[in-house]
């Protein structure tokens, strides 16, 4: 399994798709990096040489892309800052509710989790 920036990327997938396993690299950035490295996006990840892998890492750092641990730390820091200043977005993050104005009366199941039935218990 090839390793890029501390992440094992899948062997049998095309390099264009297997680069997306790196946090912070999506479809557009993967295409840009491969284009600059002059690597065919259709080649499989396990066929890349060590030199080509180093070239990819070099280009990612050259463009100044923030990836993996640094990006995770930055995102977490942003959420913590919002929670610390007690703003609306921070409180939504804290409660696990949608942050960007979506409705919650119905839907929002991804953020809220599965339904919790609230019922009445009757005496016999």
C-alpha atoms as a PDB file:
ATOM      1  CA  UNK A   1       0.000   0.000   0.000  1.00  0.00           C
ATOM      2  CA  UNK A   2       1.513   3.355  -0.990  1.00  0.00           C
ATOM      3  CA  UNK A   3       1.799   5.922   1.779  1.00  0.00           C
ATOM      4  CA  UNK A   4       1.274   9.646   1.194  1.00  0.00           C
ATOM      5  CA  UNK A   5       1.580  12.166   4.045  1.00  0.00           C
ATOM      6  CA  UNK A   6       1.140   9.434   6.661  1.00  0.00           C
ATOM      7  CA  UNK A   7      -1.989   7.963   5.035  1.00  0.00           C
ATOM      8  CA  UNK A   8      -2.214   4.537   3.421  1.00  0.00           C
ATOM      9  CA  UNK A   9      -3.957   5.008   0.094  1.00  0.00           C
ATOM     10  CA  UNK A  10      -5.769   2.113  -1.637  1.00  0.00           C
ATOM     11  CA  UNK A  11      -3.690  -0.019  -4.013  1.00  0.00           C
ATOM     12  CA  UNK A  12      -6.119  -0.918  -6.753  1.00  0.00           C
ATOM     13  CA  UNK A  13      -7.844   2.424  -7.262  1.00  0.00           C
ATOM     14  CA  UNK A  14      -6.750   5.024  -9.769  1.00  0.00           C
ATOM     15  CA  UNK A  15      -4.404   7.546  -8.171  1.00  0.00           C
ATOM     16  CA  UNK A  16      -6.873  10.375  -8.855  1.00  0.00           C
ATOM     17  CA  UNK A  17      -9.433   8.704  -6.578  1.00  0.00           C
ATOM     18  CA  UNK A  18      -7.076   7.206  -4.026  1.00  0.00           C
ATOM     19  CA  UNK A  19      -5.558  10.647  -3.283  1.00  0.00           C
ATOM     20  CA  UNK A  20      -8.951  11.681  -1.913  1.00  0.00           C
ATOM     21  CA  UNK A  21      -8.311   9.481   1.132  1.00  0.00           C
ATOM     22  CA  UNK A  22      -5.998  12.260   2.345  1.00  0.00           C
ATOM     23  CA  UNK A  23      -7.981  14.685   4.524  1.00  0.00           C
ATOM     24  CA  UNK A  24      -7.982  18.045   2.754  1.00  0.00           C
ATOM     25  CA  UNK A  25      -7.516  16.718  -0.789  1.00  0.00           C
ATOM     26  CA  UNK A  26     -10.673  16.496  -2.869  1.00  0.00           C
ATOM     27  CA  UNK A  27     -11.373  15.912  -6.563  1.00  0.00           C
ATOM     28  CA  UNK A  28     -10.180  19.313  -7.791  1.00  0.00           C
ATOM     29  CA  UNK A  29      -6.969  19.411  -5.775  1.00  0.00           C
ATOM     30  CA  UNK A  30      -6.145  15.822  -6.744  1.00  0.00           C
ATOM     31  CA  UNK A  31      -6.428  16.718 -10.449  1.00  0.00           C
ATOM     32  CA  UNK A  32      -4.311  19.863 -10.031  1.00  0.00           C
ATOM     33  CA  UNK A  33      -1.547  18.030  -8.136  1.00  0.00           C
ATOM     34  CA  UNK A  34      -1.403  15.161 -10.639  1.00  0.00           C
ATOM     35  CA  UNK A  35      -1.332  17.602 -13.540  1.00  0.00           C
ATOM     36  CA  UNK A  36       1.594  19.525 -12.023  1.00  0.00           C
ATOM     37  CA  UNK A  37       3.411  16.272 -11.209  1.00  0.00           C
ATOM     38  CA  UNK A  38       2.779  15.117 -14.809  1.00  0.00           C
ATOM     39  CA  UNK A  39       1.310  11.805 -13.644  1.00  0.00           C
ATOM     40  CA  UNK A  40      -1.502  10.118 -15.562  1.00  0.00           C
ATOM     41  CA  UNK A  41      -4.637  10.213 -13.349  1.00  0.00           C
ATOM     42  CA  UNK A  42      -5.734   6.802 -14.680  1.00  0.00           C
ATOM     43  CA  UNK A  43      -2.673   4.919 -13.415  1.00  0.00           C
ATOM     44  CA  UNK A  44      -3.250   2.651 -10.397  1.00  0.00           C
ATOM     45  CA  UNK A  45      -1.737   3.650  -7.068  1.00  0.00           C
ATOM     46  CA  UNK A  46       0.357   0.478  -6.622  1.00  0.00           C
ATOM     47  CA  UNK A  47       2.191   1.079  -9.929  1.00  0.00           C
ATOM     48  CA  UNK A  48       3.610   4.459  -8.841  1.00  0.00           C
ATOM     49  CA  UNK A  49       7.326   4.613  -8.142  1.00  0.00           C
ATOM     50  CA  UNK A  50       8.815   6.070  -4.975  1.00  0.00           C
ATOM     51  CA  UNK A  51      10.016   9.036  -7.029  1.00  0.00           C
ATOM     52  CA  UNK A  52       6.475   9.809  -8.249  1.00  0.00           C
ATOM     53  CA  UNK A  53       5.073   9.586  -4.712  1.00  0.00           C
ATOM     54  CA  UNK A  54       7.735  12.010  -3.480  1.00  0.00           C
ATOM     55  CA  UNK A  55       6.873  14.368  -6.345  1.00  0.00           C
ATOM     56  CA  UNK A  56       3.194  14.381  -5.277  1.00  0.00           C
ATOM     57  CA  UNK A  57       4.109  15.160  -1.649  1.00  0.00           C
ATOM     58  CA  UNK A  58       6.506  17.887  -2.801  1.00  0.00           C
ATOM     59  CA  UNK A  59       3.817  19.580  -4.933  1.00  0.00           C
ATOM     60  CA  UNK A  60       1.239  19.432  -2.117  1.00  0.00           C
ATOM     61  CA  UNK A  61       3.666  21.198   0.211  1.00  0.00           C
ATOM     62  CA  UNK A  62       4.744  23.623  -2.552  1.00  0.00           C
ATOM     63  CA  UNK A  63       1.157  24.816  -3.075  1.00  0.00           C
ATOM     64  CA  UNK A  64       0.828  25.254   0.678  1.00  0.00           C
ATOM     65  CA  UNK A  65      -2.196  22.978   1.015  1.00  0.00           C
ATOM     66  CA  UNK A  66      -3.069  22.341   4.651  1.00  0.00           C
ATOM     67  CA  UNK A  67      -3.823  18.624   4.959  1.00  0.00           C
ATOM     68  CA  UNK A  68      -4.334  15.844   7.499  1.00  0.00           C
ATOM     69  CA  UNK A  69      -3.379  16.631  11.123  1.00  0.00           C
ATOM     70  CA  UNK A  70      -2.822  20.362  10.659  1.00  0.00           C
ATOM     71  CA  UNK A  71      -6.184  20.807   8.926  1.00  0.00           C
ATOM     72  CA  UNK A  72      -8.015  18.703  11.519  1.00  0.00           C
ATOM     73  CA  UNK A  73      -6.423  20.775  14.287  1.00  0.00           C
ATOM     74  CA  UNK A  74      -7.407  24.009  12.540  1.00  0.00           C
ATOM     75  CA  UNK A  75     -11.054  22.931  12.082  1.00  0.00           C
ATOM     76  CA  UNK A  76     -11.307  21.730  15.686  1.00  0.00           C
ATOM     77  CA  UNK A  77      -9.771  24.994  16.885  1.00  0.00           C
ATOM     78  CA  UNK A  78     -12.351  26.988  14.918  1.00  0.00           C
ATOM     79  CA  UNK A  79     -15.225  25.010  16.456  1.00  0.00           C
ATOM     80  CA  UNK A  80     -13.787  25.417  19.968  1.00  0.00           C
ATOM     81  CA  UNK A  81     -13.397  29.178  19.442  1.00  0.00           C
ATOM     82  CA  UNK A  82     -17.045  29.488  18.374  1.00  0.00           C
ATOM     83  CA  UNK A  83     -18.127  27.506  21.441  1.00  0.00           C
ATOM     84  CA  UNK A  84     -15.929  29.570  23.749  1.00  0.00           C
ATOM     85  CA  UNK A  85     -17.447  32.885  22.650  1.00  0.00           C
ATOM     86  CA  UNK A  86     -20.921  31.342  23.056  1.00  0.00           C
ATOM     87  CA  UNK A  87     -22.122  32.374  19.607  1.00  0.00           C
ATOM     88  CA  UNK A  88     -25.096  30.751  17.887  1.00  0.00           C
ATOM     89  CA  UNK A  89     -22.978  28.579  15.602  1.00  0.00           C
ATOM     90  CA  UNK A  90     -20.892  27.427  18.550  1.00  0.00           C
ATOM     91  CA  UNK A  91     -23.956  26.417  20.542  1.00  0.00           C
ATOM     92  CA  UNK A  92     -25.291  24.456  17.549  1.00  0.00           C
ATOM     93  CA  UNK A  93     -21.984  22.601  17.265  1.00  0.00           C
ATOM     94  CA  UNK A  94     -22.097  21.860  21.001  1.00  0.00           C
ATOM     95  CA  UNK A  95     -25.630  20.460  20.859  1.00  0.00           C
ATOM     96  CA  UNK A  96     -25.015  18.451  17.690  1.00  0.00           C
ATOM     97  CA  UNK A  97     -27.669  20.272  15.680  1.00  0.00           C
ATOM     98  CA  UNK A  98     -27.464  21.684  12.131  1.00  0.00           C
ATOM     99  CA  UNK A  99     -25.304  24.801  12.063  1.00  0.00           C
ATOM    100  CA  UNK A 100     -26.211  26.495   8.806  1.00  0.00           C
ATOM    101  CA  UNK A 101     -29.873  27.332   9.194  1.00  0.00           C
ATOM    102  CA  UNK A 102     -31.476  24.055   8.126  1.00  0.00           C
ATOM    103  CA  UNK A 103     -34.874  23.121   9.499  1.00  0.00           C
ATOM    104  CA  UNK A 104     -35.031  20.752  12.444  1.00  0.00           C
ATOM    105  CA  UNK A 105     -38.746  20.159  12.935  1.00  0.00           C
ATOM    106  CA  UNK A 106     -38.513  17.408  10.362  1.00  0.00           C
ATOM    107  CA  UNK A 107     -35.336  16.017   8.794  1.00  0.00           C
ATOM    108  CA  UNK A 108     -31.893  16.804  10.290  1.00  0.00           C
ATOM    109  CA  UNK A 109     -31.577  13.116  11.202  1.00  0.00           C
ATOM    110  CA  UNK A 110     -27.900  12.995  10.298  1.00  0.00           C
ATOM    111  CA  UNK A 111     -27.000  15.562  12.958  1.00  0.00           C
ATOM    112  CA  UNK A 112     -29.641  14.683  15.568  1.00  0.00           C
ATOM    113  CA  UNK A 113     -29.243  10.901  15.437  1.00  0.00           C
ATOM    114  CA  UNK A 114     -32.028   8.331  15.388  1.00  0.00           C
ATOM    115  CA  UNK A 115     -35.459   9.206  16.714  1.00  0.00           C
ATOM    116  CA  UNK A 116     -36.078   8.971  20.439  1.00  0.00           C
ATOM    117  CA  UNK A 117     -39.731   8.123  21.058  1.00  0.00           C
ATOM    118  CA  UNK A 118     -41.314  10.041  23.898  1.00  0.00           C
ATOM    119  CA  UNK A 119     -44.411   8.320  25.183  1.00  0.00           C
ATOM    120  CA  UNK A 120     -46.801   8.238  28.104  1.00  0.00           C
ATOM    121  CA  UNK A 121     -46.648   5.420  30.662  1.00  0.00           C
ATOM    122  CA  UNK A 122     -50.151   4.594  31.985  1.00  0.00           C
ATOM    123  CA  UNK A 123     -51.034   2.986  35.312  1.00  0.00           C
ATOM    124  CA  UNK A 124     -52.982  -0.270  35.192  1.00  0.00           C
END
